Amino acid sequence: MAEPLIERFCAMLREHGVPVETGVFGAMMQVEIHNDGPVTIILESESA
């Protein structure tokens, strides 16, 4: 159920010009992060 939601979310971001990188949904990943959850969303903005 979650995969189509994530795909739509990414499509909406892309429609607004936000670069989005994705991988294989549900795949095991080895990443070094400092949070606890199944997904990491990084939002950046340009300095004003």
PDB file of N, CA and C in Angstrom:
ATOM      1  N   MET A   1       0.820  -1.196   0.000  1.00  0.00           N
ATOM      2  CA  MET A   1       0.000   0.000   0.000  1.00  0.00           C
ATOM      3  C   MET A   1       0.869   1.266   0.000  1.00  0.00           C
ATOM      4  N   ALA A   2       2.009   1.221   0.631  1.00  0.00           N
ATOM      5  CA  ALA A   2       2.834   2.423   0.772  1.00  0.00           C
ATOM      6  C   ALA A   2       3.566   2.799  -0.516  1.00  0.00           C
ATOM      7  N   GLU A   3       3.949   1.818  -1.318  1.00  0.00           N
ATOM      8  CA  GLU A   3       4.764   2.122  -2.498  1.00  0.00           C
ATOM      9  C   GLU A   3       4.085   3.095  -3.456  1.00  0.00           C
ATOM     10  N   PRO A   4       2.813   2.920  -3.825  1.00  0.00           N
ATOM     11  CA  PRO A   4       2.176   3.908  -4.709  1.00  0.00           C
ATOM     12  C   PRO A   4       2.102   5.306  -4.091  1.00  0.00           C
ATOM     13  N   LEU A   5       1.958   5.384  -2.772  1.00  0.00           N
ATOM     14  CA  LEU A   5       1.919   6.682  -2.107  1.00  0.00           C
ATOM     15  C   LEU A   5       3.266   7.388  -2.219  1.00  0.00           C
ATOM     16  N   ILE A   6       4.331   6.641  -2.010  1.00  0.00           N
ATOM     17  CA  ILE A   6       5.670   7.214  -2.120  1.00  0.00           C
ATOM     18  C   ILE A   6       5.949   7.639  -3.559  1.00  0.00           C
ATOM     19  N   GLU A   7       5.537   6.803  -4.531  1.00  0.00           N
ATOM     20  CA  GLU A   7       5.742   7.151  -5.935  1.00  0.00           C
ATOM     21  C   GLU A   7       4.990   8.432  -6.293  1.00  0.00           C
ATOM     22  N   ARG A   8       3.769   8.587  -5.804  1.00  0.00           N
ATOM     23  CA  ARG A   8       2.994   9.797  -6.093  1.00  0.00           C
ATOM     24  C   ARG A   8       3.623  11.018  -5.430  1.00  0.00           C
ATOM     25  N   PHE A   9       4.077  10.862  -4.188  1.00  0.00           N
ATOM     26  CA  PHE A   9       4.734  11.944  -3.464  1.00  0.00           C
ATOM     27  C   PHE A   9       5.970  12.414  -4.234  1.00  0.00           C
ATOM     28  N   CYS A  10       6.785  11.467  -4.695  1.00  0.00           N
ATOM     29  CA  CYS A  10       7.991  11.816  -5.455  1.00  0.00           C
ATOM     30  C   CYS A  10       7.610  12.499  -6.766  1.00  0.00           C
ATOM     31  N   ALA A  11       6.560  12.017  -7.428  1.00  0.00           N
ATOM     32  CA  ALA A  11       6.113  12.632  -8.679  1.00  0.00           C
ATOM     33  C   ALA A  11       5.664  14.072  -8.444  1.00  0.00           C
ATOM     34  N   MET A  12       4.967  14.313  -7.356  1.00  0.00           N
ATOM     35  CA  MET A  12       4.508  15.665  -7.047  1.00  0.00           C
ATOM     36  C   MET A  12       5.688  16.588  -6.773  1.00  0.00           C
ATOM     37  N   LEU A  13       6.682  16.092  -6.067  1.00  0.00           N
ATOM     38  CA  LEU A  13       7.879  16.900  -5.820  1.00  0.00           C
ATOM     39  C   LEU A  13       8.570  17.234  -7.135  1.00  0.00           C
ATOM     40  N   ARG A  14       8.695  16.240  -8.013  1.00  0.00           N
ATOM     41  CA  ARG A  14       9.349  16.467  -9.304  1.00  0.00           C
ATOM     42  C   ARG A  14       8.572  17.482 -10.142  1.00  0.00           C
ATOM     43  N   GLU A  15       7.234  17.427 -10.086  1.00  0.00           N
ATOM     44  CA  GLU A  15       6.402  18.374 -10.822  1.00  0.00           C
ATOM     45  C   GLU A  15       6.681  19.817 -10.391  1.00  0.00           C
ATOM     46  N   HIS A  16       7.146  19.982  -9.156  1.00  0.00           N
ATOM     47  CA  HIS A  16       7.460  21.313  -8.633  1.00  0.00           C
ATOM     48  C   HIS A  16       8.945  21.634  -8.753  1.00  0.00           C
ATOM     49  N   GLY A  17       9.656  20.821  -9.513  1.00  0.00           N
ATOM     50  CA  GLY A  17      11.069  21.093  -9.760  1.00  0.00           C
ATOM     51  C   GLY A  17      12.016  20.635  -8.675  1.00  0.00           C
ATOM     52  N   VAL A  18      11.526  19.845  -7.740  1.00  0.00           N
ATOM     53  CA  VAL A  18      12.386  19.356  -6.658  1.00  0.00           C
ATOM     54  C   VAL A  18      13.104  18.095  -7.142  1.00  0.00           C
ATOM     55  N   PRO A  19      14.439  18.081  -7.121  1.00  0.00           N
ATOM     56  CA  PRO A  19      15.149  16.866  -7.527  1.00  0.00           C
ATOM     57  C   PRO A  19      14.920  15.759  -6.494  1.00  0.00           C
ATOM     58  N   VAL A  20      14.571  14.581  -6.970  1.00  0.00           N
ATOM     59  CA  VAL A  20      14.268  13.450  -6.089  1.00  0.00           C
ATOM     60  C   VAL A  20      15.079  12.244  -6.544  1.00  0.00           C
ATOM     61  N   GLU A  21      15.704  11.588  -5.606  1.00  0.00           N
ATOM     62  CA  GLU A  21      16.425  10.355  -5.884  1.00  0.00           C
ATOM     63  C   GLU A  21      15.726   9.229  -5.145  1.00  0.00           C
ATOM     64  N   THR A  22      15.548   8.110  -5.813  1.00  0.00           N
ATOM     65  CA  THR A  22      14.893   6.957  -5.195  1.00  0.00           C
ATOM     66  C   THR A  22      15.729   5.711  -5.451  1.00  0.00           C
ATOM     67  N   GLY A  23      15.404   4.685  -4.744  1.00  0.00           N
ATOM     68  CA  GLY A  23      16.062   3.395  -4.922  1.00  0.00           C
ATOM     69  C   GLY A  23      15.007   2.320  -5.080  1.00  0.00           C
ATOM     70  N   VAL A  24      15.330   1.122  -4.669  1.00  0.00           N
ATOM     71  CA  VAL A  24      14.402   0.001  -4.743  1.00  0.00           C
ATOM     72  C   VAL A  24      13.540   0.017  -3.492  1.00  0.00           C
ATOM     73  N   PHE A  25      12.224   0.135  -3.677  1.00  0.00           N
ATOM     74  CA  PHE A  25      11.315   0.224  -2.534  1.00  0.00           C
ATOM     75  C   PHE A  25      11.407  -1.046  -1.687  1.00  0.00           C
ATOM     76  N   GLY A  26      11.596  -0.863  -0.395  1.00  0.00           N
ATOM     77  CA  GLY A  26      11.630  -1.984   0.546  1.00  0.00           C
ATOM     78  C   GLY A  26      12.956  -2.721   0.596  1.00  0.00           C
ATOM     79  N   ALA A  27      13.945  -2.265  -0.172  1.00  0.00           N
ATOM     80  CA  ALA A  27      15.241  -2.943  -0.185  1.00  0.00           C
ATOM     81  C   ALA A  27      15.997  -2.667   1.104  1.00  0.00           C
ATOM     82  N   MET A  28      16.848  -3.594   1.461  1.00  0.00           N
ATOM     83  CA  MET A  28      17.716  -3.378   2.610  1.00  0.00           C
ATOM     84  C   MET A  28      18.802  -2.396   2.211  1.00  0.00           C
ATOM     85  N   MET A  29      19.108  -1.465   3.089  1.00  0.00           N
ATOM     86  CA  MET A  29      20.130  -0.469   2.810  1.00  0.00           C
ATOM     87  C   MET A  29      21.070  -0.375   3.999  1.00  0.00           C
ATOM     88  N   GLN A  30      22.309  -0.123   3.706  1.00  0.00           N
ATOM     89  CA  GLN A  30      23.269   0.150   4.762  1.00  0.00           C
ATOM     90  C   GLN A  30      23.655   1.609   4.649  1.00  0.00           C
ATOM     91  N   VAL A  31      23.128   2.416   5.548  1.00  0.00           N
ATOM     92  CA  VAL A  31      23.398   3.846   5.548  1.00  0.00           C
ATOM     93  C   VAL A  31      23.805   4.274   6.948  1.00  0.00           C
ATOM     94  N   GLU A  32      24.530   5.352   7.017  1.00  0.00           N
ATOM     95  CA  GLU A  32      24.905   5.900   8.319  1.00  0.00           C
ATOM     96  C   GLU A  32      24.046   7.134   8.570  1.00  0.00           C
ATOM     97  N   ILE A  33      23.094   6.991   9.471  1.00  0.00           N
ATOM     98  CA  ILE A  33      22.193   8.095   9.788  1.00  0.00           C
ATOM     99  C   ILE A  33      22.013   8.169  11.300  1.00  0.00           C
ATOM    100  N   HIS A  34      21.376   9.237  11.749  1.00  0.00           N
ATOM    101  CA  HIS A  34      21.185   9.434  13.181  1.00  0.00           C
ATOM    102  C   HIS A  34      19.709   9.580  13.529  1.00  0.00           C
ATOM    103  N   ASN A  35      18.874   8.799  12.857  1.00  0.00           N
ATOM    104  CA  ASN A  35      17.460   8.776  13.205  1.00  0.00           C
ATOM    105  C   ASN A  35      16.979   7.333  13.195  1.00  0.00           C
ATOM    106  N   ASP A  36      15.740   7.109  13.580  1.00  0.00           N
ATOM    107  CA  ASP A  36      15.200   5.761  13.658  1.00  0.00           C
ATOM    108  C   ASP A  36      13.911   5.718  12.846  1.00  0.00           C
ATOM    109  N   GLY A  37      13.937   5.096  11.698  1.00  0.00           N
ATOM    110  CA  GLY A  37      12.750   5.012  10.866  1.00  0.00           C
ATOM    111  C   GLY A  37      13.051   4.320   9.550  1.00  0.00           C
ATOM    112  N   PRO A  38      12.007   3.963   8.809  1.00  0.00           N
ATOM    113  CA  PRO A  38      12.204   3.227   7.556  1.00  0.00           C
ATOM    114  C   PRO A  38      12.529   4.117   6.364  1.00  0.00           C
ATOM    115  N   VAL A  39      12.464   5.433   6.520  1.00  0.00           N
ATOM    116  CA  VAL A  39      12.715   6.321   5.395  1.00  0.00           C
ATOM    117  C   VAL A  39      13.366   7.599   5.889  1.00  0.00           C
ATOM    118  N   THR A  40      14.196   8.189   5.059  1.00  0.00           N
ATOM    119  CA  THR A  40      14.815   9.464   5.371  1.00  0.00           C
ATOM    120  C   THR A  40      14.477  10.438   4.266  1.00  0.00           C
ATOM    121  N   ILE A  41      13.903  11.549   4.602  1.00  0.00           N
ATOM    122  CA  ILE A  41      13.576  12.594   3.646  1.00  0.00           C
ATOM    123  C   ILE A  41      14.425  13.808   3.982  1.00  0.00           C
ATOM    124  N   ILE A  42      15.264  14.209   3.046  1.00  0.00           N
ATOM    125  CA  ILE A  42      16.139  15.352   3.255  1.00  0.00           C
ATOM    126  C   ILE A  42      15.564  16.539   2.493  1.00  0.00           C
ATOM    127  N   LEU A  43      15.239  17.586   3.214  1.00  0.00           N
ATOM    128  CA  LEU A  43      14.717  18.795   2.592  1.00  0.00           C
ATOM    129  C   LEU A  43      15.760  19.890   2.747  1.00  0.00           C
ATOM    130  N   GLU A  44      16.131  20.490   1.647  1.00  0.00           N
ATOM    131  CA  GLU A  44      17.092  21.575   1.671  1.00  0.00           C
ATOM    132  C   GLU A  44      16.501  22.786   0.989  1.00  0.00           C
ATOM    133  N   SER A  45      16.913  23.950   1.429  1.00  0.00           N
ATOM    134  CA  SER A  45      16.463  25.186   0.765  1.00  0.00           C
ATOM    135  C   SER A  45      17.676  26.077   0.560  1.00  0.00           C
ATOM    136  N   GLU A  46      17.573  26.934  -0.441  1.00  0.00           N
ATOM    137  CA  GLU A  46      18.658  27.856  -0.710  1.00  0.00           C
ATOM    138  C   GLU A  46      18.660  28.948   0.359  1.00  0.00           C
ATOM    139  N   SER A  47      19.842  29.446   0.684  1.00  0.00           N
ATOM    140  CA  SER A  47      19.943  30.525   1.670  1.00  0.00           C
ATOM    141  C   SER A  47      19.314  31.781   1.114  1.00  0.00           C
ATOM    142  N   ALA A  48      18.636  32.530   1.980  1.00  0.00           N
ATOM    143  CA  ALA A  48      17.965  33.771   1.534  1.00  0.00           C
ATOM    144  C   ALA A  48      18.945  34.897   1.421  1.00  0.00           C
TER     145      ALA A  48
END
